[in-house]
PDB file of all heavy atoms in Angstrom:
ATOM      1  N   VAL A   1     -72.307  82.855 181.228  1.00  0.00           N
ATOM      2  CA  VAL A   1     -72.652  84.254 180.935  1.00  0.00           C
ATOM      3  C   VAL A   1     -72.683  85.064 182.231  1.00  0.00           C
ATOM      4  O   VAL A   1     -72.184  86.191 182.287  1.00  0.00           O
ATOM      5  CB  VAL A   1     -74.014  84.339 180.216  1.00  0.00           C
ATOM      6  CG1 VAL A   1     -74.518  85.782 180.167  1.00  0.00           C
ATOM      7  CG2 VAL A   1     -73.898  83.783 178.804  1.00  0.00           C
ATOM      8  N   SER A   2     -73.238  84.476 183.284  1.00  0.00           N
ATOM      9  CA  SER A   2     -73.289  85.149 184.588  1.00  0.00           C
ATOM     10  C   SER A   2     -71.889  85.430 185.111  1.00  0.00           C
ATOM     11  O   SER A   2     -71.607  86.522 185.636  1.00  0.00           O
ATOM     12  CB  SER A   2     -74.069  84.280 185.577  1.00  0.00           C
ATOM     13  OG  SER A   2     -74.094  84.877 186.849  1.00  0.00           O
ATOM     14  N   GLN A   3     -70.988  84.477 184.939  1.00  0.00           N
ATOM     15  CA  GLN A   3     -69.607  84.666 185.394  1.00  0.00           C
ATOM     16  C   GLN A   3     -68.878  85.709 184.559  1.00  0.00           C
ATOM     17  O   GLN A   3     -68.010  86.417 185.059  1.00  0.00           O
ATOM     18  CB  GLN A   3     -68.864  83.324 185.341  1.00  0.00           C
ATOM     19  CG  GLN A   3     -69.348  82.327 186.384  1.00  0.00           C
ATOM     20  CD  GLN A   3     -68.827  80.922 186.146  1.00  0.00           C
ATOM     21  OE1 GLN A   3     -68.847  80.416 185.025  1.00  0.00           O
ATOM     22  NE2 GLN A   3     -68.353  80.282 187.204  1.00  0.00           N
ATOM     23  N   LEU A   4     -69.242  85.802 183.286  1.00  0.00           N
ATOM     24  CA  LEU A   4     -68.575  86.752 182.398  1.00  0.00           C
ATOM     25  C   LEU A   4     -69.005  88.195 182.632  1.00  0.00           C
ATOM     26  O   LEU A   4     -68.253  89.122 182.282  1.00  0.00           O
ATOM     27  CB  LEU A   4     -68.858  86.374 180.938  1.00  0.00           C
ATOM     28  CG  LEU A   4     -68.019  85.227 180.372  1.00  0.00           C
ATOM     29  CD1 LEU A   4     -68.626  84.712 179.077  1.00  0.00           C
ATOM     30  CD2 LEU A   4     -66.582  85.686 180.143  1.00  0.00           C
ATOM     31  N   GLN A   5     -70.183  88.401 183.178  1.00  0.00           N
ATOM     32  CA  GLN A   5     -70.684  89.765 183.353  1.00  0.00           C
ATOM     33  C   GLN A   5     -69.711  90.641 184.122  1.00  0.00           C
ATOM     34  O   GLN A   5     -69.471  91.796 183.768  1.00  0.00           O
ATOM     35  CB  GLN A   5     -72.054  89.748 184.046  1.00  0.00           C
ATOM     36  CG  GLN A   5     -73.182  89.194 183.193  1.00  0.00           C
ATOM     37  CD  GLN A   5     -73.281  89.871 181.843  1.00  0.00           C
ATOM     38  OE1 GLN A   5     -73.282  91.092 181.738  1.00  0.00           O
ATOM     39  NE2 GLN A   5     -73.358  89.076 180.789  1.00  0.00           N
ATOM     40  N   GLY A   6     -69.137  90.093 185.196  1.00  0.00           N
ATOM     41  CA  GLY A   6     -68.183  90.862 185.990  1.00  0.00           C
ATOM     42  C   GLY A   6     -66.949  91.252 185.195  1.00  0.00           C
ATOM     43  O   GLY A   6     -66.437  92.375 185.323  1.00  0.00           O
ATOM     44  N   PHE A   7     -66.473  90.348 184.350  1.00  0.00           N
ATOM     45  CA  PHE A   7     -65.307  90.652 183.518  1.00  0.00           C
ATOM     46  C   PHE A   7     -65.645  91.743 182.505  1.00  0.00           C
ATOM     47  O   PHE A   7     -64.847  92.656 182.269  1.00  0.00           O
ATOM     48  CB  PHE A   7     -64.838  89.391 182.790  1.00  0.00           C
ATOM     49  CG  PHE A   7     -64.152  88.389 183.672  1.00  0.00           C
ATOM     50  CD1 PHE A   7     -64.866  87.357 184.259  1.00  0.00           C
ATOM     51  CD2 PHE A   7     -62.791  88.494 183.938  1.00  0.00           C
ATOM     52  CE1 PHE A   7     -64.236  86.433 185.081  1.00  0.00           C
ATOM     53  CE2 PHE A   7     -62.153  87.577 184.761  1.00  0.00           C
ATOM     54  CZ  PHE A   7     -62.873  86.549 185.342  1.00  0.00           C
ATOM     55  N   TYR A   8     -66.828  91.657 181.909  1.00  0.00           N
ATOM     56  CA  TYR A   8     -67.211  92.652 180.910  1.00  0.00           C
ATOM     57  C   TYR A   8     -67.404  94.032 181.538  1.00  0.00           C
ATOM     58  O   TYR A   8     -67.099  95.052 180.922  1.00  0.00           O
ATOM     59  CB  TYR A   8     -68.497  92.208 180.198  1.00  0.00           C
ATOM     60  CG  TYR A   8     -68.318  90.987 179.317  1.00  0.00           C
ATOM     61  CD1 TYR A   8     -69.396  90.183 178.973  1.00  0.00           C
ATOM     62  CD2 TYR A   8     -67.065  90.631 178.827  1.00  0.00           C
ATOM     63  CE1 TYR A   8     -69.242  89.070 178.166  1.00  0.00           C
ATOM     64  CE2 TYR A   8     -66.895  89.511 178.028  1.00  0.00           C
ATOM     65  CZ  TYR A   8     -67.981  88.727 177.694  1.00  0.00           C
ATOM     66  OH  TYR A   8     -67.827  87.625 176.900  1.00  0.00           O
ATOM     67  N   GLU A   9     -67.905  94.058 182.750  1.00  0.00           N
ATOM     68  CA  GLU A   9     -68.131  95.339 183.417  1.00  0.00           C
ATOM     69  C   GLU A   9     -66.824  95.991 183.857  1.00  0.00           C
ATOM     70  O   GLU A   9     -66.717  97.217 183.922  1.00  0.00           O
ATOM     71  CB  GLU A   9     -69.036  95.138 184.634  1.00  0.00           C
ATOM     72  CG  GLU A   9     -70.486  94.817 184.262  1.00  0.00           C
ATOM     73  CD  GLU A   9     -71.309  94.392 185.465  1.00  0.00           C
ATOM     74  OE1 GLU A   9     -70.760  94.428 186.590  1.00  0.00           O
ATOM     75  OE2 GLU A   9     -72.482  94.009 185.280  1.00  0.00           O
ATOM     76  N   LEU A  10     -65.811  95.181 184.170  1.00  0.00           N
ATOM     77  CA  LEU A  10     -64.542  95.702 184.688  1.00  0.00           C
ATOM     78  C   LEU A  10     -63.419  95.698 183.666  1.00  0.00           C
ATOM     79  O   LEU A  10     -62.282  96.007 184.010  1.00  0.00           O
ATOM     80  CB  LEU A  10     -64.097  94.874 185.912  1.00  0.00           C
ATOM     81  CG  LEU A  10     -65.035  94.889 187.117  1.00  0.00           C
ATOM     82  CD1 LEU A  10     -64.530  93.923 188.195  1.00  0.00           C
ATOM     83  CD2 LEU A  10     -65.154  96.294 187.697  1.00  0.00           C
ATOM     84  N   GLU A  11     -63.742  95.364 182.419  1.00  0.00           N
ATOM     85  CA  GLU A  11     -62.676  95.193 181.439  1.00  0.00           C
ATOM     86  C   GLU A  11     -61.905  96.465 181.140  1.00  0.00           C
ATOM     87  O   GLU A  11     -60.780  96.415 180.642  1.00  0.00           O
ATOM     88  CB  GLU A  11     -63.246  94.632 180.137  1.00  0.00           C
ATOM     89  CG  GLU A  11     -64.205  95.570 179.423  1.00  0.00           C
ATOM     90  CD  GLU A  11     -64.815  94.939 178.170  1.00  0.00           C
ATOM     91  OE1 GLU A  11     -64.295  93.895 177.740  1.00  0.00           O
ATOM     92  OE2 GLU A  11     -65.787  95.481 177.651  1.00  0.00           O
ATOM     93  N   GLY A  12     -62.456  97.626 181.466  1.00  0.00           N
ATOM     94  CA  GLY A  12     -61.768  98.873 181.162  1.00  0.00           C
ATOM     95  C   GLY A  12     -60.767  99.318 182.208  1.00  0.00           C
ATOM     96  O   GLY A  12     -60.053 100.290 181.998  1.00  0.00           O
ATOM     97  N   THR A  13     -60.716  98.645 183.341  1.00  0.00           N
ATOM     98  CA  THR A  13     -59.804  99.066 184.404  1.00  0.00           C
ATOM     99  C   THR A  13     -59.083  97.877 184.993  1.00  0.00           C
ATOM    100  O   THR A  13     -59.487  96.734 184.844  1.00  0.00           O
ATOM    101  CB  THR A  13     -60.580  99.767 185.538  1.00  0.00           C
ATOM    102  OG1 THR A  13     -61.524  98.849 186.082  1.00  0.00           O
ATOM    103  CG2 THR A  13     -61.296 101.008 185.026  1.00  0.00           C
ATOM    104  N   VAL A  14     -57.988  98.144 185.683  1.00  0.00           N
ATOM    105  CA  VAL A  14     -57.225  97.099 186.360  1.00  0.00           C
ATOM    106  C   VAL A  14     -56.677  97.656 187.651  1.00  0.00           C
ATOM    107  O   VAL A  14     -56.407  98.847 187.754  1.00  0.00           O
ATOM    108  CB  VAL A  14     -56.076  96.565 185.470  1.00  0.00           C
ATOM    109  CG1 VAL A  14     -55.037  97.637 185.209  1.00  0.00           C
ATOM    110  CG2 VAL A  14     -55.422  95.355 186.114  1.00  0.00           C
ATOM    111  N   GLY A  15     -56.542  96.810 188.662  1.00  0.00           N
ATOM    112  CA  GLY A  15     -56.031  97.289 189.944  1.00  0.00           C
ATOM    113  C   GLY A  15     -57.158  97.715 190.862  1.00  0.00           C
ATOM    114  O   GLY A  15     -58.282  97.914 190.444  1.00  0.00           O
ATOM    115  N   THR A  16     -56.888  97.859 192.121  1.00  0.00           N
ATOM    116  CA  THR A  16     -57.920  98.207 193.096  1.00  0.00           C
ATOM    117  C   THR A  16     -57.957  99.698 193.387  1.00  0.00           C
ATOM    118  O   THR A  16     -58.888 100.181 194.011  1.00  0.00           O
ATOM    119  CB  THR A  16     -57.660  97.458 194.410  1.00  0.00           C
ATOM    120  OG1 THR A  16     -56.326  97.737 194.850  1.00  0.00           O
ATOM    121  CG2 THR A  16     -57.754  95.956 194.184  1.00  0.00           C
ATOM    122  N   GLY A  17     -56.969 100.412 192.935  1.00  0.00           N
ATOM    123  CA  GLY A  17     -56.953 101.853 193.206  1.00  0.00           C
ATOM    124  C   GLY A  17     -57.896 102.595 192.306  1.00  0.00           C
ATOM    125  O   GLY A  17     -58.300 102.107 191.255  1.00  0.00           O
ATOM    126  N   ALA A  18     -58.230 103.804 192.707  1.00  0.00           N
ATOM    127  CA  ALA A  18     -59.174 104.604 191.920  1.00  0.00           C
ATOM    128  C   ALA A  18     -58.591 104.963 190.572  1.00  0.00           C
ATOM    129  O   ALA A  18     -59.292 105.093 189.580  1.00  0.00           O
ATOM    130  CB  ALA A  18     -59.547 105.875 192.685  1.00  0.00           C
ATOM    131  N   ALA A  19     -57.223 105.143 190.527  1.00  0.00           N
ATOM    132  CA  ALA A  19     -56.593 105.535 189.281  1.00  0.00           C
ATOM    133  C   ALA A  19     -56.678 104.408 188.265  1.00  0.00           C
ATOM    134  O   ALA A  19     -57.006 104.597 187.102  1.00  0.00           O
ATOM    135  CB  ALA A  19     -55.129 105.901 189.509  1.00  0.00           C
ATOM    136  N   GLY A  20     -56.382 103.199 188.752  1.00  0.00           N
ATOM    137  CA  GLY A  20     -56.502 102.027 187.894  1.00  0.00           C
ATOM    138  C   GLY A  20     -55.674 102.145 186.640  1.00  0.00           C
ATOM    139  O   GLY A  20     -54.652 102.794 186.587  1.00  0.00           O
ATOM    140  N   GLY A  21     -56.099 101.506 185.594  1.00  0.00           N
ATOM    141  CA  GLY A  21     -55.381 101.537 184.330  1.00  0.00           C
ATOM    142  C   GLY A  21     -56.152 100.746 183.304  1.00  0.00           C
ATOM    143  O   GLY A  21     -57.072 100.020 183.625  1.00  0.00           O
ATOM    144  N   ARG A  22     -55.766 100.873 182.059  1.00  0.00           N
ATOM    145  CA  ARG A  22     -56.460 100.157 180.993  1.00  0.00           C
ATOM    146  C   ARG A  22     -56.018  98.701 180.951  1.00  0.00           C
ATOM    147  O   ARG A  22     -54.845  98.400 181.138  1.00  0.00           O
ATOM    148  CB  ARG A  22     -56.149 100.800 179.637  1.00  0.00           C
ATOM    149  CG  ARG A  22     -56.777 102.165 179.429  1.00  0.00           C
ATOM    150  CD  ARG A  22     -58.255 102.119 179.345  1.00  0.00           C
ATOM    151  NE  ARG A  22     -58.741 101.347 178.212  1.00  0.00           N
ATOM    152  CZ  ARG A  22     -60.009 101.083 178.017  1.00  0.00           C
ATOM    153  NH1 ARG A  22     -60.919 101.471 178.883  1.00  0.00           N
ATOM    154  NH2 ARG A  22     -60.386 100.387 176.965  1.00  0.00           N
ATOM    155  N   ILE A  23     -56.966  97.815 180.718  1.00  0.00           N
ATOM    156  CA  ILE A  23     -56.607  96.425 180.521  1.00  0.00           C
ATOM    157  C   ILE A  23     -55.887  96.314 179.182  1.00  0.00           C
ATOM    158  O   ILE A  23     -56.412  96.731 178.157  1.00  0.00           O
ATOM    159  CB  ILE A  23     -57.866  95.529 180.482  1.00  0.00           C
ATOM    160  CG1 ILE A  23     -58.486  95.446 181.870  1.00  0.00           C
ATOM    161  CG2 ILE A  23     -57.544  94.132 179.974  1.00  0.00           C
ATOM    162  CD1 ILE A  23     -57.733  94.602 182.844  1.00  0.00           C
ATOM    163  N   ALA A  24     -54.682  95.769 179.203  1.00  0.00           N
ATOM    164  CA  ALA A  24     -53.930  95.632 177.967  1.00  0.00           C
ATOM    165  C   ALA A  24     -54.708  94.751 176.998  1.00  0.00           C
ATOM    166  O   ALA A  24     -55.097  93.638 177.319  1.00  0.00           O
ATOM    167  CB  ALA A  24     -52.563  95.006 178.258  1.00  0.00           C
ATOM    168  N   GLY A  25     -54.909  95.255 175.780  1.00  0.00           N
ATOM    169  CA  GLY A  25     -55.632  94.466 174.775  1.00  0.00           C
ATOM    170  C   GLY A  25     -57.100  94.290 175.089  1.00  0.00           C
ATOM    171  O   GLY A  25     -57.697  93.283 174.712  1.00  0.00           O
TER     172      GLY A  25
END
């Protein structure tokens, strides 16, 4: 669960840039 928290918090973006993008699916 602790390891998953980071994925759940970042699931809406991808990439390191500010613009980012949506995680597909």
